[in-house]
Amino acid sequence: MLKRLLIALAAGIAAYVVGGILGGWLVSLLSSNTHDRSIEAAMTGAFVIGPLAAVIGFVAAFVLSDRRRGLAASTDDSR
């Protein structure tokens, strides 16, 4: 259980970083704001897209790490 949590935490942190960078890039690319586009991109990436990506990454890693363990356990039982 602790290993699953640590894997999910690492995935959440990685997803936050990737989501923040991609979110900032997309906002700076698509925003029509001319006065403070860089600030808008940084704030959206850091406080909107990054946290959303972190939650999705954490949940996905937590669920998938259990599924892999379940699949491995079911194949071991069939022997």
N, C-alpha and C. Protein backbone atom coordinates (compact mmCIF):
# COMPACT_ATOMS: atom_id res chain seq x y z
N MET A 1 0.82 -1.19 0.00
CA MET A 1 0.00 0.00 0.00
C MET A 1 0.87 1.26 0.00
N LEU A 2 1.93 1.25 0.80
CA LEU A 2 2.81 2.41 0.84
C LEU A 2 3.53 2.60 -0.49
N LYS A 3 3.91 1.49 -1.11
CA LYS A 3 4.57 1.57 -2.42
C LYS A 3 3.63 2.18 -3.45
N ARG A 4 2.35 1.78 -3.41
CA ARG A 4 1.35 2.35 -4.32
C ARG A 4 1.21 3.85 -4.10
N LEU A 5 1.19 4.28 -2.84
CA LEU A 5 1.06 5.71 -2.55
C LEU A 5 2.28 6.49 -3.03
N LEU A 6 3.46 5.94 -2.84
CA LEU A 6 4.67 6.62 -3.28
C LEU A 6 4.74 6.72 -4.81
N ILE A 7 4.33 5.65 -5.49
CA ILE A 7 4.29 5.68 -6.95
C ILE A 7 3.27 6.71 -7.42
N ALA A 8 2.10 6.73 -6.78
CA ALA A 8 1.06 7.69 -7.16
C ALA A 8 1.51 9.12 -6.86
N LEU A 9 2.21 9.33 -5.76
CA LEU A 9 2.71 10.66 -5.43
C LEU A 9 3.74 11.13 -6.45
N ALA A 10 4.64 10.25 -6.83
CA ALA A 10 5.64 10.60 -7.84
C ALA A 10 4.97 10.91 -9.17
N ALA A 11 3.97 10.13 -9.53
CA ALA A 11 3.24 10.38 -10.78
C ALA A 11 2.49 11.69 -10.71
N GLY A 12 1.93 12.01 -9.55
CA GLY A 12 1.23 13.28 -9.39
C GLY A 12 2.17 14.47 -9.52
N ILE A 13 3.34 14.37 -8.95
CA ILE A 13 4.33 15.45 -9.06
C ILE A 13 4.78 15.61 -10.50
N ALA A 14 5.06 14.50 -11.16
CA ALA A 14 5.47 14.58 -12.57
C ALA A 14 4.35 15.15 -13.44
N ALA A 15 3.12 14.74 -13.17
CA ALA A 15 1.99 15.26 -13.94
C ALA A 15 1.79 16.75 -13.69
N TYR A 16 2.04 17.21 -12.45
CA TYR A 16 1.94 18.64 -12.16
C TYR A 16 2.94 19.44 -12.99
N VAL A 17 4.16 18.96 -13.02
CA VAL A 17 5.20 19.67 -13.77
C VAL A 17 4.87 19.71 -15.26
N VAL A 18 4.53 18.55 -15.81
CA VAL A 18 4.20 18.49 -17.23
C VAL A 18 2.95 19.31 -17.54
N GLY A 19 1.92 19.17 -16.71
CA GLY A 19 0.69 19.93 -16.92
C GLY A 19 0.89 21.42 -16.79
N GLY A 20 1.71 21.83 -15.84
CA GLY A 20 1.98 23.26 -15.68
C GLY A 20 2.72 23.84 -16.88
N ILE A 21 3.69 23.11 -17.36
CA ILE A 21 4.45 23.59 -18.53
C ILE A 21 3.58 23.62 -19.77
N LEU A 22 2.86 22.52 -20.02
CA LEU A 22 2.00 22.48 -21.21
C LEU A 22 0.85 23.47 -21.11
N GLY A 23 0.28 23.62 -19.92
CA GLY A 23 -0.80 24.59 -19.73
C GLY A 23 -0.32 26.02 -19.96
N GLY A 24 0.84 26.36 -19.43
CA GLY A 24 1.40 27.69 -19.66
C GLY A 24 1.70 27.94 -21.13
N TRP A 25 2.22 26.93 -21.77
CA TRP A 25 2.54 27.06 -23.20
C TRP A 25 1.27 27.25 -24.02
N LEU A 26 0.25 26.46 -23.74
CA LEU A 26 -1.01 26.57 -24.49
C LEU A 26 -1.68 27.92 -24.27
N VAL A 27 -1.68 28.41 -23.04
CA VAL A 27 -2.29 29.71 -22.78
C VAL A 27 -1.51 30.81 -23.47
N SER A 28 -0.21 30.76 -23.43
CA SER A 28 0.57 31.80 -24.10
C SER A 28 0.39 31.73 -25.61
N LEU A 29 0.13 30.55 -26.13
CA LEU A 29 -0.08 30.38 -27.56
C LEU A 29 -1.47 30.84 -27.99
N LEU A 30 -2.48 30.56 -27.18
CA LEU A 30 -3.86 30.79 -27.58
C LEU A 30 -4.52 32.03 -26.99
N SER A 31 -3.88 32.67 -26.04
CA SER A 31 -4.51 33.81 -25.37
C SER A 31 -4.52 35.05 -26.26
N SER A 32 -5.64 35.78 -26.20
CA SER A 32 -5.73 37.04 -26.94
C SER A 32 -5.34 38.22 -26.06
N ASN A 33 -4.97 37.97 -24.82
CA ASN A 33 -4.57 39.02 -23.89
C ASN A 33 -3.24 39.62 -24.35
N THR A 34 -3.18 40.92 -24.51
CA THR A 34 -1.95 41.55 -24.98
C THR A 34 -1.15 42.22 -23.87
N HIS A 35 -1.75 42.46 -22.72
CA HIS A 35 -1.06 43.22 -21.68
C HIS A 35 -0.21 42.36 -20.75
N ASP A 36 -0.73 41.25 -20.32
CA ASP A 36 0.01 40.41 -19.37
C ASP A 36 -0.13 38.93 -19.72
N ARG A 37 0.14 38.61 -20.96
CA ARG A 37 0.01 37.23 -21.44
C ARG A 37 0.92 36.27 -20.67
N SER A 38 2.14 36.69 -20.38
CA SER A 38 3.08 35.79 -19.70
C SER A 38 2.62 35.50 -18.27
N ILE A 39 2.07 36.50 -17.60
CA ILE A 39 1.57 36.28 -16.24
C ILE A 39 0.34 35.38 -16.26
N GLU A 40 -0.55 35.62 -17.22
CA GLU A 40 -1.73 34.77 -17.37
C GLU A 40 -1.32 33.32 -17.63
N ALA A 41 -0.34 33.13 -18.48
CA ALA A 41 0.12 31.77 -18.80
C ALA A 41 0.73 31.11 -17.57
N ALA A 42 1.55 31.83 -16.83
CA ALA A 42 2.20 31.26 -15.65
C ALA A 42 1.18 30.91 -14.57
N MET A 43 0.25 31.81 -14.31
CA MET A 43 -0.75 31.57 -13.27
C MET A 43 -1.70 30.43 -13.65
N THR A 44 -2.11 30.38 -14.90
CA THR A 44 -3.00 29.31 -15.34
C THR A 44 -2.29 27.97 -15.29
N GLY A 45 -1.04 27.94 -15.72
CA GLY A 45 -0.29 26.69 -15.67
C GLY A 45 -0.04 26.22 -14.25
N ALA A 46 0.31 27.14 -13.37
CA ALA A 46 0.68 26.78 -12.01
C ALA A 46 -0.52 26.50 -11.11
N PHE A 47 -1.63 27.21 -11.33
CA PHE A 47 -2.74 27.11 -10.38
C PHE A 47 -4.01 26.48 -10.94
N VAL A 48 -4.06 26.18 -12.23
CA VAL A 48 -5.25 25.55 -12.80
C VAL A 48 -4.87 24.23 -13.46
N ILE A 49 -4.11 24.30 -14.53
CA ILE A 49 -3.81 23.09 -15.31
C ILE A 49 -2.87 22.15 -14.54
N GLY A 50 -1.87 22.69 -13.89
CA GLY A 50 -0.94 21.86 -13.13
C GLY A 50 -1.61 21.03 -12.04
N PRO A 51 -2.40 21.66 -11.16
CA PRO A 51 -3.09 20.88 -10.13
C PRO A 51 -4.09 19.86 -10.70
N LEU A 52 -4.79 20.22 -11.76
CA LEU A 52 -5.71 19.26 -12.38
C LEU A 52 -4.94 18.05 -12.91
N ALA A 53 -3.84 18.31 -13.57
CA ALA A 53 -3.01 17.22 -14.08
C ALA A 53 -2.44 16.38 -12.94
N ALA A 54 -2.09 17.01 -11.83
CA ALA A 54 -1.55 16.28 -10.69
C ALA A 54 -2.59 15.34 -10.09
N VAL A 55 -3.81 15.81 -9.95
CA VAL A 55 -4.88 14.95 -9.40
C VAL A 55 -5.16 13.79 -10.34
N ILE A 56 -5.25 14.08 -11.63
CA ILE A 56 -5.50 13.02 -12.61
C ILE A 56 -4.35 12.01 -12.62
N GLY A 57 -3.12 12.50 -12.58
CA GLY A 57 -1.96 11.61 -12.57
C GLY A 57 -1.88 10.77 -11.31
N PHE A 58 -2.20 11.36 -10.16
CA PHE A 58 -2.18 10.62 -8.90
C PHE A 58 -3.22 9.51 -8.91
N VAL A 59 -4.45 9.86 -9.27
CA VAL A 59 -5.53 8.87 -9.28
C VAL A 59 -5.24 7.76 -10.29
N ALA A 60 -4.80 8.14 -11.48
CA ALA A 60 -4.51 7.14 -12.51
C ALA A 60 -3.40 6.19 -12.07
N ALA A 61 -2.34 6.73 -11.49
CA ALA A 61 -1.23 5.87 -11.04
C ALA A 61 -1.66 4.98 -9.88
N PHE A 62 -2.48 5.51 -8.98
CA PHE A 62 -2.94 4.72 -7.84
C PHE A 62 -3.81 3.56 -8.31
N VAL A 63 -4.72 3.84 -9.23
CA VAL A 63 -5.61 2.80 -9.73
C VAL A 63 -4.84 1.79 -10.58
N LEU A 64 -3.99 2.27 -11.46
CA LEU A 64 -3.26 1.37 -12.35
C LEU A 64 -2.23 0.52 -11.60
N SER A 65 -1.64 1.06 -10.54
CA SER A 65 -0.69 0.25 -9.78
C SER A 65 -1.40 -0.89 -9.07
N ASP A 66 -2.63 -0.69 -8.64
CA ASP A 66 -3.41 -1.77 -8.03
C ASP A 66 -3.84 -2.77 -9.09
N ARG A 67 -4.20 -2.29 -10.26
CA ARG A 67 -4.63 -3.19 -11.34
C ARG A 67 -3.49 -4.10 -11.76
N ARG A 68 -2.28 -3.54 -11.86
CA ARG A 68 -1.12 -4.37 -12.22
C ARG A 68 -0.86 -5.43 -11.16
N ARG A 69 -0.99 -5.05 -9.90
CA ARG A 69 -0.79 -6.01 -8.82
C ARG A 69 -1.87 -7.08 -8.86
N GLY A 70 -3.09 -6.67 -9.15
CA GLY A 70 -4.19 -7.62 -9.24
C GLY A 70 -4.00 -8.58 -10.40
N LEU A 71 -3.52 -8.07 -11.52
CA LEU A 71 -3.27 -8.94 -12.67
C LEU A 71 -2.15 -9.92 -12.38
N ALA A 72 -1.11 -9.45 -11.71
CA ALA A 72 0.00 -10.33 -11.38
C ALA A 72 -0.45 -11.39 -10.38
N ALA A 73 -1.29 -11.02 -9.44
CA ALA A 73 -1.77 -11.97 -8.44
C ALA A 73 -2.68 -13.01 -9.08
N SER A 74 -3.50 -12.58 -10.03
CA SER A 74 -4.41 -13.54 -10.67
C SER A 74 -3.64 -14.51 -11.56
N THR A 75 -2.56 -14.08 -12.17
CA THR A 75 -1.78 -15.01 -12.98
C THR A 75 -0.99 -15.97 -12.11
N ASP A 76 -0.58 -15.52 -10.93
CA ASP A 76 0.15 -16.41 -10.01
C ASP A 76 -0.78 -17.48 -9.44
N ASP A 77 -2.04 -17.15 -9.21
CA ASP A 77 -2.98 -18.09 -8.63
C ASP A 77 -3.36 -19.19 -9.63
N SER A 78 -3.27 -18.91 -10.92
CA SER A 78 -3.72 -19.88 -11.89
C SER A 78 -2.71 -20.98 -12.14
N ARG A 79 -1.53 -20.84 -11.58
CA ARG A 79 -0.49 -21.85 -11.79
C ARG A 79 -0.75 -23.10 -11.01
